[in-house]
Structure formats: structure tokens, C-alpha cells
Amino acid sequence: MAAAVPTFIKRPDDYSYNSVGASGAVYAVLMVAVLLFPLMDLYMIFIPIPLKAFVMGPLMLVLENYLDKKGGGRVAHDAHLWGGLFGLVFIIAIKPQFILNFIEQIKFYLEGWL
């Protein structure tokens, strides 16, 4: 629901626009997983190279923002973007400590590279 509200505000009279499905909620769960487990490996379909979640998560949000602004197609990229952002805001509101845990995990990981 939270992923669709911005679309309804942005397109109140566009009855031809469809924003149906659970992809916004899936993005919310994915971004929560990125925040909680930033060092897990994530893969894109057809690209067999793993990226750490703390890299892939922001890249996916940037890509969804770009595709939303580009327009065309039949995918509600704005629902993906807002769903992901809602997931982050929601989990941080529940327990702000998750941000510090996220930073500590990344810091520990990067120190291993130096």
C-alpha cells in the first residue's frame, strides 16, 4: 500500500496507469534485508557476479529511479522505489540501532580490504 500511495498522488486522473502487484512490498523486504545483512551476496538475473548487498541495494534504487523517470514500459518502477524506501524508513523507525549495525558491518568488511 505504501508503495502505491505516491503513484496515486502523482497520477490522480490517469486511469490507464496500472500499479498492481506485490513488487513494492518485495522491494521493501529486500531493502530491509540489505540493511540487516549488508554483507550477503546478491545476484542479478543473467549476471553471475555476486555483489554485496550494501552495493546492490543502492544500485537497484538508483536504477528504479532512472527507469521511472525514463518512463515507458508496463512496470511500476515508482512502486519499487517507494516500496524500498518505505522498508528502510519503517525498519529504522522500529529500531534505529540497525543503522549503527549496518555501518559497523561495512566498516569491518572494508577494514579487511585495507
N, C-alpha and C. Protein backbone atom coordinates (compact mmCIF):
# COMPACT_ATOMS: atom_id res chain seq x y z
N MET A 1 0.82 -1.19 0.00
CA MET A 1 0.00 0.00 0.00
C MET A 1 0.86 1.26 0.00
N ALA A 2 1.90 1.28 0.85
CA ALA A 2 2.76 2.46 0.94
C ALA A 2 3.46 2.73 -0.38
N ALA A 3 3.74 1.69 -1.16
CA ALA A 3 4.41 1.87 -2.44
C ALA A 3 3.48 2.49 -3.49
N ALA A 4 2.18 2.30 -3.36
CA ALA A 4 1.24 2.79 -4.36
C ALA A 4 0.74 4.20 -4.08
N VAL A 5 0.81 4.64 -2.84
CA VAL A 5 0.28 5.97 -2.49
C VAL A 5 0.94 7.09 -3.30
N PRO A 6 2.28 7.13 -3.41
CA PRO A 6 2.89 8.20 -4.23
C PRO A 6 2.41 8.18 -5.67
N THR A 7 2.14 7.00 -6.21
CA THR A 7 1.64 6.90 -7.58
C THR A 7 0.25 7.51 -7.69
N PHE A 8 -0.60 7.24 -6.71
CA PHE A 8 -1.95 7.81 -6.73
C PHE A 8 -1.90 9.33 -6.62
N ILE A 9 -0.97 9.84 -5.85
CA ILE A 9 -0.82 11.29 -5.71
C ILE A 9 -0.28 11.89 -7.00
N LYS A 10 0.69 11.21 -7.62
CA LYS A 10 1.33 11.70 -8.84
C LYS A 10 0.41 11.62 -10.05
N ARG A 11 -0.46 10.61 -10.10
CA ARG A 11 -1.32 10.37 -11.27
C ARG A 11 -2.79 10.22 -10.85
N PRO A 12 -3.37 11.23 -10.24
CA PRO A 12 -4.73 11.05 -9.71
C PRO A 12 -5.80 10.81 -10.77
N ASP A 13 -5.59 11.30 -11.98
CA ASP A 13 -6.62 11.17 -13.02
C ASP A 13 -6.19 10.28 -14.18
N ASP A 14 -5.09 9.56 -14.03
CA ASP A 14 -4.60 8.69 -15.10
C ASP A 14 -5.14 7.29 -14.88
N TYR A 15 -6.30 7.02 -15.42
CA TYR A 15 -6.97 5.74 -15.22
C TYR A 15 -6.34 4.61 -16.04
N SER A 16 -5.48 4.96 -16.99
CA SER A 16 -4.85 3.93 -17.80
C SER A 16 -3.58 3.38 -17.16
N TYR A 17 -3.10 4.04 -16.10
CA TYR A 17 -1.87 3.59 -15.44
C TYR A 17 -2.17 2.48 -14.45
N ASN A 18 -1.46 1.38 -14.59
CA ASN A 18 -1.65 0.24 -13.69
C ASN A 18 -0.48 0.13 -12.73
N SER A 19 -0.79 0.01 -11.47
CA SER A 19 0.22 -0.22 -10.45
C SER A 19 -0.32 -1.32 -9.55
N VAL A 20 -0.27 -2.53 -10.06
CA VAL A 20 -0.87 -3.66 -9.37
C VAL A 20 0.20 -4.70 -9.09
N GLY A 21 0.15 -5.28 -7.92
CA GLY A 21 1.07 -6.36 -7.60
C GLY A 21 1.74 -6.16 -6.26
N ALA A 22 2.67 -7.04 -6.01
CA ALA A 22 3.35 -7.06 -4.72
C ALA A 22 4.80 -6.61 -4.82
N SER A 23 5.21 -6.10 -5.95
CA SER A 23 6.63 -5.79 -6.14
C SER A 23 7.11 -4.68 -5.21
N GLY A 24 6.27 -3.74 -4.87
CA GLY A 24 6.66 -2.70 -3.91
C GLY A 24 6.95 -3.30 -2.55
N ALA A 25 6.13 -4.25 -2.13
CA ALA A 25 6.35 -4.94 -0.86
C ALA A 25 7.61 -5.80 -0.92
N VAL A 26 7.85 -6.42 -2.06
CA VAL A 26 9.06 -7.23 -2.22
C VAL A 26 10.30 -6.33 -2.09
N TYR A 27 10.26 -5.17 -2.70
CA TYR A 27 11.37 -4.23 -2.57
C TYR A 27 11.54 -3.77 -1.13
N ALA A 28 10.46 -3.57 -0.42
CA ALA A 28 10.54 -3.19 1.00
C ALA A 28 11.28 -4.26 1.79
N VAL A 29 10.91 -5.51 1.59
CA VAL A 29 11.56 -6.61 2.29
C VAL A 29 13.03 -6.72 1.86
N LEU A 30 13.29 -6.54 0.59
CA LEU A 30 14.66 -6.62 0.09
C LEU A 30 15.54 -5.54 0.73
N MET A 31 15.04 -4.31 0.82
CA MET A 31 15.84 -3.23 1.39
C MET A 31 16.04 -3.42 2.90
N VAL A 32 15.07 -4.01 3.57
CA VAL A 32 15.25 -4.35 5.00
C VAL A 32 16.37 -5.39 5.12
N ALA A 33 16.36 -6.38 4.23
CA ALA A 33 17.41 -7.40 4.25
C ALA A 33 18.78 -6.77 3.98
N VAL A 34 18.83 -5.81 3.07
CA VAL A 34 20.10 -5.11 2.79
C VAL A 34 20.59 -4.39 4.05
N LEU A 35 19.69 -3.75 4.76
CA LEU A 35 20.08 -3.03 5.98
C LEU A 35 20.54 -3.99 7.07
N LEU A 36 19.85 -5.11 7.23
CA LEU A 36 20.18 -6.05 8.29
C LEU A 36 21.38 -6.93 7.96
N PHE A 37 21.54 -7.27 6.68
CA PHE A 37 22.60 -8.18 6.25
C PHE A 37 23.38 -7.58 5.08
N PRO A 38 24.08 -6.48 5.30
CA PRO A 38 24.73 -5.78 4.19
C PRO A 38 25.85 -6.56 3.51
N LEU A 39 26.34 -7.61 4.15
CA LEU A 39 27.46 -8.36 3.57
C LEU A 39 27.02 -9.61 2.82
N MET A 40 25.71 -9.85 2.74
CA MET A 40 25.27 -11.02 1.98
C MET A 40 25.48 -10.75 0.49
N ASP A 41 25.68 -11.81 -0.26
CA ASP A 41 25.86 -11.71 -1.70
C ASP A 41 24.50 -11.68 -2.38
N LEU A 42 24.34 -10.77 -3.33
CA LEU A 42 23.13 -10.69 -4.15
C LEU A 42 23.54 -10.81 -5.61
N TYR A 43 22.68 -11.40 -6.39
CA TYR A 43 22.92 -11.60 -7.82
C TYR A 43 21.79 -10.97 -8.62
N MET A 44 22.12 -10.49 -9.79
CA MET A 44 21.10 -10.06 -10.75
C MET A 44 20.89 -11.23 -11.71
N ILE A 45 19.68 -11.39 -12.18
CA ILE A 45 19.42 -12.46 -13.15
C ILE A 45 20.30 -12.25 -14.38
N PHE A 46 20.88 -13.33 -14.85
CA PHE A 46 21.72 -13.37 -16.04
C PHE A 46 23.11 -12.75 -15.83
N ILE A 47 23.41 -12.26 -14.64
CA ILE A 47 24.75 -11.75 -14.35
C ILE A 47 25.29 -12.57 -13.18
N PRO A 48 26.15 -13.53 -13.45
CA PRO A 48 26.58 -14.46 -12.39
C PRO A 48 27.70 -13.91 -11.49
N ILE A 49 27.70 -12.62 -11.28
CA ILE A 49 28.71 -12.00 -10.43
C ILE A 49 28.03 -11.49 -9.17
N PRO A 50 28.45 -12.00 -8.00
CA PRO A 50 27.81 -11.54 -6.77
C PRO A 50 28.27 -10.14 -6.40
N LEU A 51 27.36 -9.36 -5.86
CA LEU A 51 27.69 -8.06 -5.28
C LEU A 51 27.19 -8.07 -3.85
N LYS A 52 27.92 -7.40 -2.98
CA LYS A 52 27.48 -7.29 -1.60
C LYS A 52 26.19 -6.48 -1.56
N ALA A 53 25.34 -6.80 -0.62
CA ALA A 53 24.03 -6.16 -0.52
C ALA A 53 24.15 -4.65 -0.35
N PHE A 54 25.17 -4.19 0.39
CA PHE A 54 25.29 -2.74 0.61
C PHE A 54 25.68 -2.00 -0.67
N VAL A 55 26.13 -2.73 -1.68
CA VAL A 55 26.40 -2.14 -3.00
C VAL A 55 25.17 -2.30 -3.90
N MET A 56 24.62 -3.50 -3.93
CA MET A 56 23.50 -3.81 -4.81
C MET A 56 22.23 -3.03 -4.45
N GLY A 57 21.94 -2.91 -3.16
CA GLY A 57 20.72 -2.22 -2.73
C GLY A 57 20.60 -0.80 -3.28
N PRO A 58 21.60 0.05 -3.02
CA PRO A 58 21.53 1.41 -3.59
C PRO A 58 21.51 1.42 -5.11
N LEU A 59 22.27 0.51 -5.74
CA LEU A 59 22.25 0.45 -7.20
C LEU A 59 20.86 0.15 -7.74
N MET A 60 20.16 -0.75 -7.06
CA MET A 60 18.81 -1.09 -7.50
C MET A 60 17.86 0.09 -7.35
N LEU A 61 17.99 0.84 -6.26
CA LEU A 61 17.13 2.01 -6.06
C LEU A 61 17.44 3.09 -7.10
N VAL A 62 18.72 3.29 -7.40
CA VAL A 62 19.10 4.27 -8.43
C VAL A 62 18.55 3.83 -9.78
N LEU A 63 18.67 2.55 -10.09
CA LEU A 63 18.16 2.03 -11.36
C LEU A 63 16.64 2.22 -11.45
N GLU A 64 15.92 1.90 -10.39
CA GLU A 64 14.47 2.07 -10.41
C GLU A 64 14.09 3.54 -10.58
N ASN A 65 14.83 4.43 -9.94
CA ASN A 65 14.57 5.87 -10.09
C ASN A 65 14.80 6.30 -11.55
N TYR A 66 15.88 5.83 -12.14
CA TYR A 66 16.17 6.15 -13.55
C TYR A 66 15.06 5.62 -14.46
N LEU A 67 14.70 4.36 -14.28
CA LEU A 67 13.68 3.77 -15.15
C LEU A 67 12.32 4.43 -14.96
N ASP A 68 12.03 4.89 -13.73
CA ASP A 68 10.77 5.61 -13.50
C ASP A 68 10.77 6.93 -14.26
N LYS A 69 11.87 7.65 -14.20
CA LYS A 69 11.95 8.94 -14.89
C LYS A 69 11.97 8.76 -16.42
N LYS A 70 12.57 7.67 -16.88
CA LYS A 70 12.62 7.39 -18.32
C LYS A 70 11.22 7.12 -18.86
N GLY A 71 10.42 6.41 -18.07
CA GLY A 71 9.05 6.12 -18.49
C GLY A 71 8.98 5.02 -19.53
N GLY A 72 7.79 4.77 -19.98
CA GLY A 72 7.57 3.71 -20.96
C GLY A 72 7.50 2.36 -20.27
N GLY A 73 7.15 1.37 -21.00
CA GLY A 73 7.06 0.03 -20.44
C GLY A 73 5.82 -0.12 -19.57
N ARG A 74 5.69 -1.29 -19.01
CA ARG A 74 4.50 -1.57 -18.20
C ARG A 74 4.88 -1.99 -16.78
N VAL A 75 5.99 -1.46 -16.29
CA VAL A 75 6.45 -1.77 -14.95
C VAL A 75 6.34 -0.52 -14.09
N ALA A 76 5.79 -0.67 -12.91
CA ALA A 76 5.62 0.46 -11.99
C ALA A 76 6.91 0.66 -11.19
N HIS A 77 7.89 1.24 -11.83
CA HIS A 77 9.18 1.44 -11.17
C HIS A 77 9.06 2.34 -9.96
N ASP A 78 8.13 3.26 -9.99
CA ASP A 78 7.94 4.13 -8.82
C ASP A 78 7.48 3.33 -7.60
N ALA A 79 6.71 2.28 -7.82
CA ALA A 79 6.28 1.42 -6.71
C ALA A 79 7.47 0.68 -6.12
N HIS A 80 8.39 0.27 -6.96
CA HIS A 80 9.60 -0.39 -6.47
C HIS A 80 10.42 0.58 -5.62
N LEU A 81 10.61 1.77 -6.16
CA LEU A 81 11.40 2.78 -5.46
C LEU A 81 10.78 3.14 -4.11
N TRP A 82 9.50 3.46 -4.10
CA TRP A 82 8.84 3.87 -2.86
C TRP A 82 8.68 2.70 -1.90
N GLY A 83 8.49 1.51 -2.42
CA GLY A 83 8.42 0.33 -1.55
C GLY A 83 9.74 0.11 -0.83
N GLY A 84 10.85 0.21 -1.58
CA GLY A 84 12.17 0.06 -0.97
C GLY A 84 12.45 1.12 0.07
N LEU A 85 12.12 2.36 -0.25
CA LEU A 85 12.34 3.46 0.70
C LEU A 85 11.45 3.29 1.94
N PHE A 86 10.22 2.85 1.73
CA PHE A 86 9.34 2.61 2.87
C PHE A 86 9.92 1.53 3.78
N GLY A 87 10.44 0.46 3.21
CA GLY A 87 11.03 -0.60 4.01
C GLY A 87 12.16 -0.08 4.88
N LEU A 88 13.02 0.76 4.30
CA LEU A 88 14.13 1.32 5.07
C LEU A 88 13.63 2.23 6.19
N VAL A 89 12.73 3.12 5.87
CA VAL A 89 12.20 4.05 6.89
C VAL A 89 11.48 3.28 7.99
N PHE A 90 10.71 2.29 7.62
CA PHE A 90 9.95 1.51 8.59
C PHE A 90 10.87 0.79 9.58
N ILE A 91 11.87 0.09 9.07
CA ILE A 91 12.74 -0.69 9.96
C ILE A 91 13.60 0.22 10.82
N ILE A 92 14.01 1.37 10.28
CA ILE A 92 14.80 2.32 11.07
C ILE A 92 13.93 2.95 12.15
N ALA A 93 12.66 3.21 11.84
CA ALA A 93 11.75 3.77 12.84
C ALA A 93 11.51 2.78 13.98
N ILE A 94 11.47 1.50 13.65
CA ILE A 94 11.26 0.48 14.68
C ILE A 94 12.48 0.36 15.59
N LYS A 95 13.67 0.33 14.98
CA LYS A 95 14.89 0.16 15.77
C LYS A 95 16.03 0.92 15.09
N PRO A 96 16.27 2.16 15.49
CA PRO A 96 17.33 2.97 14.88
C PRO A 96 18.72 2.35 15.01
N GLN A 97 18.91 1.47 15.97
CA GLN A 97 20.20 0.80 16.16
C GLN A 97 20.64 0.04 14.91
N PHE A 98 19.69 -0.33 14.06
CA PHE A 98 20.04 -1.07 12.85
C PHE A 98 20.98 -0.27 11.94
N ILE A 99 20.89 1.04 11.97
CA ILE A 99 21.79 1.87 11.15
C ILE A 99 23.23 1.70 11.64
N LEU A 100 23.41 1.75 12.95
CA LEU A 100 24.75 1.59 13.51
C LEU A 100 25.31 0.20 13.22
N ASN A 101 24.47 -0.82 13.32
CA ASN A 101 24.91 -2.18 13.00
C ASN A 101 25.32 -2.28 11.53
N PHE A 102 24.55 -1.66 10.65
CA PHE A 102 24.85 -1.62 9.22
C PHE A 102 26.22 -1.00 8.98
N ILE A 103 26.45 0.16 9.58
CA ILE A 103 27.72 0.87 9.41
C ILE A 103 28.88 0.05 9.96
N GLU A 104 28.70 -0.55 11.12
CA GLU A 104 29.76 -1.36 11.73
C GLU A 104 30.13 -2.55 10.86
N GLN A 105 29.14 -3.22 10.29
CA GLN A 105 29.41 -4.37 9.44
C GLN A 105 30.20 -3.97 8.20
N ILE A 106 29.82 -2.86 7.59
CA ILE A 106 30.52 -2.39 6.39
C ILE A 106 31.93 -1.94 6.76
N LYS A 107 32.06 -1.24 7.86
CA LYS A 107 33.37 -0.77 8.32
C LYS A 107 34.31 -1.96 8.55
N PHE A 108 33.82 -2.99 9.24
CA PHE A 108 34.62 -4.18 9.50
C PHE A 108 35.02 -4.86 8.18
N TYR A 109 34.09 -4.93 7.25
CA TYR A 109 34.35 -5.55 5.95
C TYR A 109 35.43 -4.77 5.18
N LEU A 110 35.30 -3.46 5.14
CA LEU A 110 36.25 -2.63 4.39
C LEU A 110 37.63 -2.63 5.05
N GLU A 111 37.69 -2.72 6.36
CA GLU A 111 38.97 -2.79 7.04
C GLU A 111 39.73 -4.05 6.66
N GLY A 112 39.01 -5.10 6.33
CA GLY A 112 39.64 -6.34 5.87
C GLY A 112 40.31 -6.19 4.52
N TRP A 113 39.86 -5.22 3.74
CA TRP A 113 40.45 -4.95 2.43
C TRP A 113 41.69 -4.10 2.50
N LEU A 114 41.86 -3.37 3.60
CA LEU A 114 43.00 -2.45 3.72
C LEU A 114 44.19 -3.09 4.37
